[in-house]
Protein backbone atom coordinates (compact mmCIF):
# COMPACT_ATOMS: atom_id res chain seq x y z
CA MET A 1 -5.90 -24.40 -20.56
CA ASP A 2 -3.41 -24.91 -17.80
CA PHE A 3 -2.08 -21.49 -18.96
CA ILE A 4 -5.34 -19.69 -18.16
CA PHE A 5 -5.86 -21.56 -14.88
CA ILE A 6 -2.22 -19.94 -14.21
CA ILE A 7 -3.02 -16.54 -14.85
CA ILE A 8 -6.48 -16.61 -13.19
CA GLY A 9 -5.01 -18.36 -10.17
CA LEU A 10 -2.38 -15.29 -10.15
CA VAL A 11 -4.96 -12.45 -10.46
CA LEU A 12 -6.97 -13.93 -7.96
CA LEU A 13 -3.92 -14.07 -5.25
CA VAL A 14 -2.80 -10.59 -6.03
CA LEU A 15 -6.56 -9.62 -5.77
CA GLY A 16 -7.00 -11.69 -2.51
CA GLY A 17 -3.81 -10.43 -1.09
CA ASP A 18 -4.76 -6.84 -1.49
CA TRP A 19 -8.13 -7.27 -0.19
CA LEU A 20 -7.06 -9.21 2.57
CA LEU A 21 -4.57 -6.18 3.42
CA LYS A 22 -6.70 -3.96 3.82
CA SER A 23 -9.10 -5.87 6.09
CA ALA A 24 -6.02 -6.84 8.44
CA VAL A 25 -4.86 -2.56 8.37
CA GLY A 26 -8.40 -1.75 8.66
CA MET A 27 -9.20 -4.10 11.59
CA SER A 28 -5.86 -3.17 13.04
CA LEU A 29 -6.24 0.57 12.75
CA ARG A 30 -9.63 0.32 14.67
CA LEU A 31 -8.26 -1.47 17.63
CA ASN A 32 -5.87 1.29 17.64
CA ILE A 33 -2.79 -0.49 17.16
CA PRO A 34 0.30 2.00 16.61
CA LYS A 35 1.08 2.14 12.84
CA ILE A 36 4.73 1.27 13.64
CA ILE A 37 3.49 -2.25 14.73
CA ILE A 38 1.17 -2.50 11.87
CA GLY A 39 3.41 -1.51 9.32
CA MET A 40 6.33 -4.34 10.59
CA THR A 41 3.55 -6.97 11.68
CA VAL A 42 0.22 -7.01 9.95
CA VAL A 43 1.41 -5.69 6.82
CA SER A 44 4.30 -7.58 6.04
CA PHE A 45 2.29 -10.78 7.36
CA ALA A 46 -0.35 -10.04 4.90
CA THR A 47 1.94 -9.16 1.82
CA SER A 48 3.05 -12.63 2.03
CA ALA A 49 0.22 -14.35 2.21
CA PRO A 50 -0.20 -15.48 -1.42
CA GLU A 51 3.13 -17.02 -1.13
CA LEU A 52 1.80 -19.04 2.13
CA ILE A 53 -1.17 -19.77 1.03
CA VAL A 54 0.13 -21.41 -2.07
CA SER A 55 3.03 -22.73 -0.33
CA VAL A 56 0.73 -24.59 2.68
CA LYS A 57 -1.84 -26.06 0.15
CA SER A 58 1.26 -27.42 -2.21
CA ALA A 59 2.73 -29.06 0.92
CA MET A 60 -0.70 -30.64 1.96
CA ALA A 61 -1.68 -31.45 -1.58
CA GLY A 62 1.59 -33.84 -1.97
CA PHE A 63 3.79 -31.14 -3.83
CA PRO A 64 6.28 -30.10 -1.61
CA ASP A 65 8.87 -29.21 -4.58
CA ILE A 66 6.22 -26.59 -5.50
CA ALA A 67 6.06 -25.39 -1.96
CA LEU A 68 9.83 -25.41 -1.28
CA GLY A 69 10.72 -23.85 -4.81
CA ASN A 70 8.14 -21.14 -4.51
CA VAL A 71 9.78 -19.46 -1.90
CA ILE A 72 13.54 -20.21 -3.04
CA GLY A 73 12.57 -18.71 -6.49
CA SER A 74 11.04 -16.25 -5.06
CA ASN A 75 13.97 -14.74 -2.83
CA ILE A 76 15.82 -14.95 -6.55
CA ALA A 77 13.22 -13.24 -8.23
CA ASN A 78 13.42 -10.40 -5.71
CA ILE A 79 17.00 -9.83 -5.95
CA GLY A 80 18.06 -10.63 -9.36
CA LEU A 81 14.69 -10.11 -11.21
CA ILE A 82 13.07 -7.18 -9.07
CA LEU A 83 16.12 -5.58 -7.67
CA GLY A 84 17.88 -5.68 -10.77
CA ILE A 85 15.07 -4.02 -12.66
CA VAL A 86 14.51 -1.09 -9.89
CA MET A 87 18.35 -0.35 -10.28
CA ILE A 88 18.31 0.07 -14.18
CA ILE A 89 15.50 2.30 -13.34
CA ASN A 90 16.62 4.73 -11.03
CA ALA A 91 19.93 4.20 -8.67
CA MET A 92 19.37 3.61 -5.24
CA LYS A 93 20.99 4.33 -2.09
CA VAL A 94 21.33 2.17 0.61
CA ASP A 95 20.74 2.65 4.39
CA GLU A 96 23.19 2.14 6.89
CA SER A 97 20.72 -0.54 8.19
CA PHE A 98 21.24 -2.42 5.18
CA PHE A 99 24.65 -3.43 6.92
CA LYS A 100 23.70 -3.40 10.84
CA THR A 101 20.18 -5.31 10.12
CA ASP A 102 19.06 -6.03 6.82
CA TRP A 103 21.71 -8.07 4.85
CA PRO A 104 22.99 -10.04 7.74
CA ALA A 105 19.29 -11.19 9.05
CA MET A 106 18.87 -12.32 5.40
CA MET A 107 22.08 -14.53 5.21
CA ILE A 108 21.37 -15.83 8.39
CA SER A 109 17.92 -17.06 7.30
CA SER A 110 18.72 -18.18 4.19
CA ILE A 111 22.43 -20.13 5.56
CA LEU A 112 19.75 -21.46 8.15
CA LEU A 113 17.39 -22.59 5.53
CA PHE A 114 20.11 -24.64 3.59
CA ALA A 115 21.64 -26.01 7.06
CA VAL A 116 18.04 -27.38 8.18
CA LEU A 117 17.54 -28.87 4.74
CA LYS A 118 21.30 -30.15 4.54
CA TYR A 119 20.64 -31.92 7.71
CA ASP A 120 17.70 -34.25 6.83
CA GLY A 121 16.28 -33.44 3.97
CA GLU A 122 13.15 -31.69 4.97
CA ILE A 123 11.65 -29.17 7.03
CA ASN A 124 9.84 -30.69 10.00
CA ARG A 125 7.29 -29.43 12.68
CA ILE A 126 9.78 -28.51 14.76
CA GLU A 127 12.25 -26.65 13.06
CA GLY A 128 9.37 -24.83 11.32
CA GLY A 129 8.35 -23.50 14.76
CA ILE A 130 12.22 -22.68 15.56
CA LEU A 131 11.94 -20.64 12.04
CA PHE A 132 8.71 -19.14 13.09
CA PHE A 133 10.23 -17.97 16.61
CA LEU A 134 13.36 -16.61 14.81
CA LEU A 135 10.99 -13.96 12.72
CA ILE A 136 8.93 -13.13 16.06
CA CYS A 137 12.15 -12.10 17.62
CA PHE A 138 13.17 -10.13 14.34
CA VAL A 139 10.03 -8.57 14.29
CA ILE A 140 10.21 -7.30 18.09
CA TYR A 141 13.84 -6.19 17.36
CA LEU A 142 12.66 -3.98 14.49
CA ILE A 143 9.78 -2.47 16.35
CA LYS A 144 11.98 -1.54 18.90
CA PHE A 145 14.66 -0.25 16.50
CA GLN A 146 12.15 1.96 14.74
CA LYS A 147 10.64 3.21 18.04
CA LYS A 148 14.12 4.55 18.91
CA SER A 149 14.95 5.66 15.30
CA ASN A 150 11.79 7.61 15.47
CA THR A 151 10.75 6.22 11.90
CA ASP A 152 7.41 6.38 10.80
CA VAL A 153 6.16 3.49 8.92
CA GLU A 154 4.02 3.62 5.55
CA ILE A 155 1.01 1.42 5.82
CA PRO A 156 -2.11 1.41 3.05
CA LEU A 157 -4.59 2.88 4.84
CA GLU A 158 -4.49 5.90 6.93
CA LYS A 159 -8.31 5.74 8.70
CA ALA A 160 -10.04 2.99 9.68
CA MET A 161 -12.78 1.18 7.64
CA PRO A 162 -16.35 0.82 9.05
CA MET A 163 -16.67 -2.74 10.32
CA TYR A 164 -18.75 -4.22 7.70
CA GLN A 165 -15.62 -3.18 5.13
CA VAL A 166 -13.42 -5.19 7.21
CA ILE A 167 -15.56 -8.17 7.16
CA LEU A 168 -16.08 -7.69 3.57
CA PHE A 169 -12.52 -7.61 2.38
CA LEU A 170 -11.50 -10.51 4.94
CA VAL A 171 -14.17 -12.87 3.22
CA ILE A 172 -13.81 -11.76 -0.41
CA GLY A 173 -9.96 -11.64 0.36
CA GLY A 174 -9.51 -14.86 1.67
CA LEU A 175 -11.73 -16.49 -1.04
CA GLY A 176 -9.48 -14.89 -3.37
CA LEU A 177 -6.41 -16.39 -1.98
CA TRP A 178 -8.19 -19.86 -1.81
CA GLY A 179 -9.39 -20.10 -5.20
CA GLY A 180 -6.27 -18.83 -6.70
CA SER A 181 -3.95 -20.93 -5.16
CA GLU A 182 -6.30 -23.93 -6.30
CA LEU A 183 -6.14 -22.96 -9.62
CA LEU A 184 -2.41 -21.69 -9.51
CA ILE A 185 -1.03 -25.17 -8.26
CA THR A 186 -3.51 -27.05 -10.64
CA GLY A 187 -2.16 -25.16 -13.41
CA ALA A 188 1.34 -25.47 -12.28
CA VAL A 189 1.57 -29.49 -11.48
CA ASN A 190 -0.29 -30.18 -15.28
CA LEU A 191 1.97 -27.55 -17.18
CA ALA A 192 5.10 -29.60 -15.71
CA GLU A 193 3.31 -32.66 -16.57
CA ALA A 194 2.28 -31.56 -20.02
CA TYR A 195 6.26 -30.48 -20.68
CA GLY A 196 7.93 -32.98 -18.91
CA VAL A 197 9.54 -30.77 -16.40
CA SER A 198 9.66 -31.10 -12.88
CA ASP A 199 7.26 -29.67 -10.41
CA ARG A 200 10.68 -27.71 -9.08
CA VAL A 201 11.15 -26.13 -12.73
CA ILE A 202 7.64 -24.65 -12.71
CA ALA A 203 7.96 -23.55 -8.69
CA VAL A 204 11.24 -21.50 -8.86
CA SER A 205 10.07 -19.93 -12.33
CA VAL A 206 6.39 -19.57 -13.11
CA VAL A 207 4.97 -19.88 -9.80
CA ALA A 208 7.92 -18.02 -8.39
CA ILE A 209 7.71 -15.34 -10.35
CA GLY A 210 3.75 -15.23 -10.34
CA THR A 211 3.81 -14.71 -6.55
CA SER A 212 6.32 -12.15 -6.86
CA ILE A 213 4.03 -9.83 -9.13
CA PRO A 214 2.94 -7.54 -6.89
CA GLU A 215 6.31 -6.39 -5.48
CA LEU A 216 7.61 -6.27 -8.95
CA ALA A 217 4.58 -3.75 -10.01
CA ALA A 218 4.92 -1.55 -6.61
CA SER A 219 8.62 -1.40 -7.14
CA ILE A 220 8.87 -0.31 -10.51
CA ILE A 221 6.06 2.16 -10.23
CA ALA A 222 7.94 3.51 -7.16
CA ALA A 223 11.49 3.94 -9.07
CA VAL A 224 9.52 5.37 -12.34
CA LYS A 225 8.06 8.00 -10.09
CA LYS A 226 11.48 8.40 -8.16
CA GLU A 227 9.77 7.79 -4.72
CA SER A 228 11.76 6.82 -1.64
CA SER A 229 9.44 4.81 -0.24
CA ILE A 230 11.11 1.41 -1.83
CA SER A 231 14.31 0.74 -0.74
CA ILE A 232 16.60 -2.37 -1.04
CA GLY A 233 15.19 -2.87 2.71
CA ASN A 234 11.73 -3.81 1.56
CA ILE A 235 13.08 -6.31 -0.67
CA ILE A 236 15.36 -7.91 1.71
CA GLY A 237 12.47 -8.00 4.37
CA SER A 238 10.57 -9.69 2.01
CA ASN A 239 12.98 -12.57 1.48
CA ILE A 240 13.46 -12.86 5.11
CA PHE A 241 9.60 -13.34 5.95
CA ASN A 242 9.35 -15.80 2.88
CA ILE A 243 11.88 -18.11 4.75
CA LEU A 244 10.71 -17.47 8.53
CA SER A 245 7.40 -17.11 7.71
CA VAL A 246 6.44 -18.79 4.67
CA LEU A 247 8.30 -21.79 5.05
CA GLY A 248 8.18 -21.85 9.02
CA ILE A 249 4.03 -21.70 9.20
CA THR A 250 4.08 -24.17 6.48
CA ALA A 251 6.27 -26.59 7.79
CA ILE A 252 4.50 -26.23 11.39
CA ILE A 253 1.23 -27.39 9.60
CA HIS A 254 2.91 -30.03 7.19
CA PRO A 255 6.27 -31.08 6.94
CA ILE A 256 8.08 -30.06 4.04
CA LYS A 257 10.29 -32.97 2.29
CA ILE A 258 12.85 -32.29 -0.65
CA VAL A 259 11.66 -34.48 -3.97
CA ASP A 260 13.87 -33.02 -6.23
CA ASN A 261 17.34 -32.96 -5.21
CA ARG A 262 18.38 -29.58 -7.42
CA LEU A 263 16.69 -27.91 -5.21
CA MET A 264 19.55 -28.32 -2.79
CA SER A 265 22.47 -28.52 -5.40
CA PHE A 266 21.26 -25.63 -7.42
CA ASP A 267 18.40 -23.54 -6.45
CA ILE A 268 19.12 -22.43 -2.97
CA ILE A 269 23.09 -22.07 -4.23
CA TRP A 270 21.64 -19.29 -6.35
CA MET A 271 19.92 -18.05 -3.86
CA LEU A 272 22.91 -18.10 -1.42
CA ALA A 273 25.08 -16.35 -4.09
CA LEU A 274 22.65 -13.64 -5.23
CA SER A 275 21.96 -12.51 -1.50
CA PHE A 276 25.73 -12.38 -0.73
CA VAL A 277 26.91 -10.50 -3.65
CA LEU A 278 24.94 -7.68 -2.64
CA ILE A 279 27.64 -6.82 -0.46
CA PRO A 280 30.45 -6.46 -2.98
CA LEU A 281 27.58 -4.44 -5.34
CA VAL A 282 27.05 -2.07 -2.40
CA LEU A 283 30.56 -1.51 -1.67
CA LEU A 284 32.13 -0.91 -5.13
CA PRO A 285 32.71 1.46 -6.96
CA LYS A 286 30.91 3.86 -4.36
CA LYS A 287 29.67 2.61 -1.15
CA GLY A 288 26.24 2.65 -0.20
CA PHE A 289 25.10 3.01 -3.84
CA LEU A 290 23.44 0.22 -6.41
CA ASP A 291 23.89 1.61 -9.51
CA ARG A 292 22.68 0.63 -13.11
CA LYS A 293 25.48 -1.31 -13.66
CA ALA A 294 24.81 -3.24 -10.81
CA GLY A 295 21.21 -3.90 -12.08
CA PHE A 296 22.42 -5.25 -14.91
CA VAL A 297 24.65 -7.44 -13.58
CA LEU A 298 21.83 -9.10 -10.75
CA LEU A 299 19.20 -9.05 -14.11
CA THR A 300 21.93 -10.60 -16.32
CA ALA A 301 22.58 -13.44 -13.27
CA TYR A 302 18.58 -13.99 -13.09
CA PHE A 303 18.25 -14.78 -16.54
CA VAL A 304 21.11 -17.08 -16.59
CA PHE A 305 19.41 -19.12 -13.73
CA ILE A 306 16.39 -19.31 -15.68
CA TYR A 307 18.31 -20.45 -18.55
CA MET A 308 20.07 -23.13 -16.66
CA THR A 309 16.97 -24.11 -14.84
CA PHE A 310 15.04 -25.09 -18.09
CA LYS A 311 18.05 -26.40 -19.66
């Protein structure tokens, strides 16, 4: 029954996130907000909604390891699983922004998270506020950078929806996220108890992969079609938002304390290592490209992580 709760919860989270995204973009277009700002802010926040809702409800329900493990596990899955599979399907060219903006921002936010947790074993409201403030600064920088480079940003909708559709998508999206998070957290906690593993183990594996399903599906479809819309920047951007937005907002609402020390001694080390290893993979053997060999390296590393997590 717990598996059914988890599956139904994930489906509702995926659908709820998609409906919320349509509502947010539809409203933004009706307000005549420039597409570049919609793409860099509204879309990014809306696609992080499943992770955010799960983390907030987990922290408030007294399961901080699920809140933190969800984000750390998702970041590991984004690089090891999603990026690995995408590169195996189709080699990827790396833009100059990877070296100048994307990778440095991801490493800084990842190291900052490690430092905050190492300092006192928690993310309090002040620290959460600092993380969220850094996100706002980063988004403002990206918007200015995109405007200067005259690069258009893809958004899910091109035309504004009628107001009744905006409200309808907002309501059913919110209900889907609420119901999905309830079922997912209940199923995950019960599953951990039934198999005698910690909340952290379920969070960094089952919950993390589940909340990353939309990114995985979109990335695989784009890679198969050989579309350039999916890039390493999308995946790295998701990791940055997970740390600064999801954990930042969650900590502001309810402080997150570490319960299982393996989150610090094992999980976050893997997140930092996979983030760092992208540099040598991008530079060798040919600068600016991620080929199938690099994909196999990342995917193998991810499976090793999962195996050691359950060991």
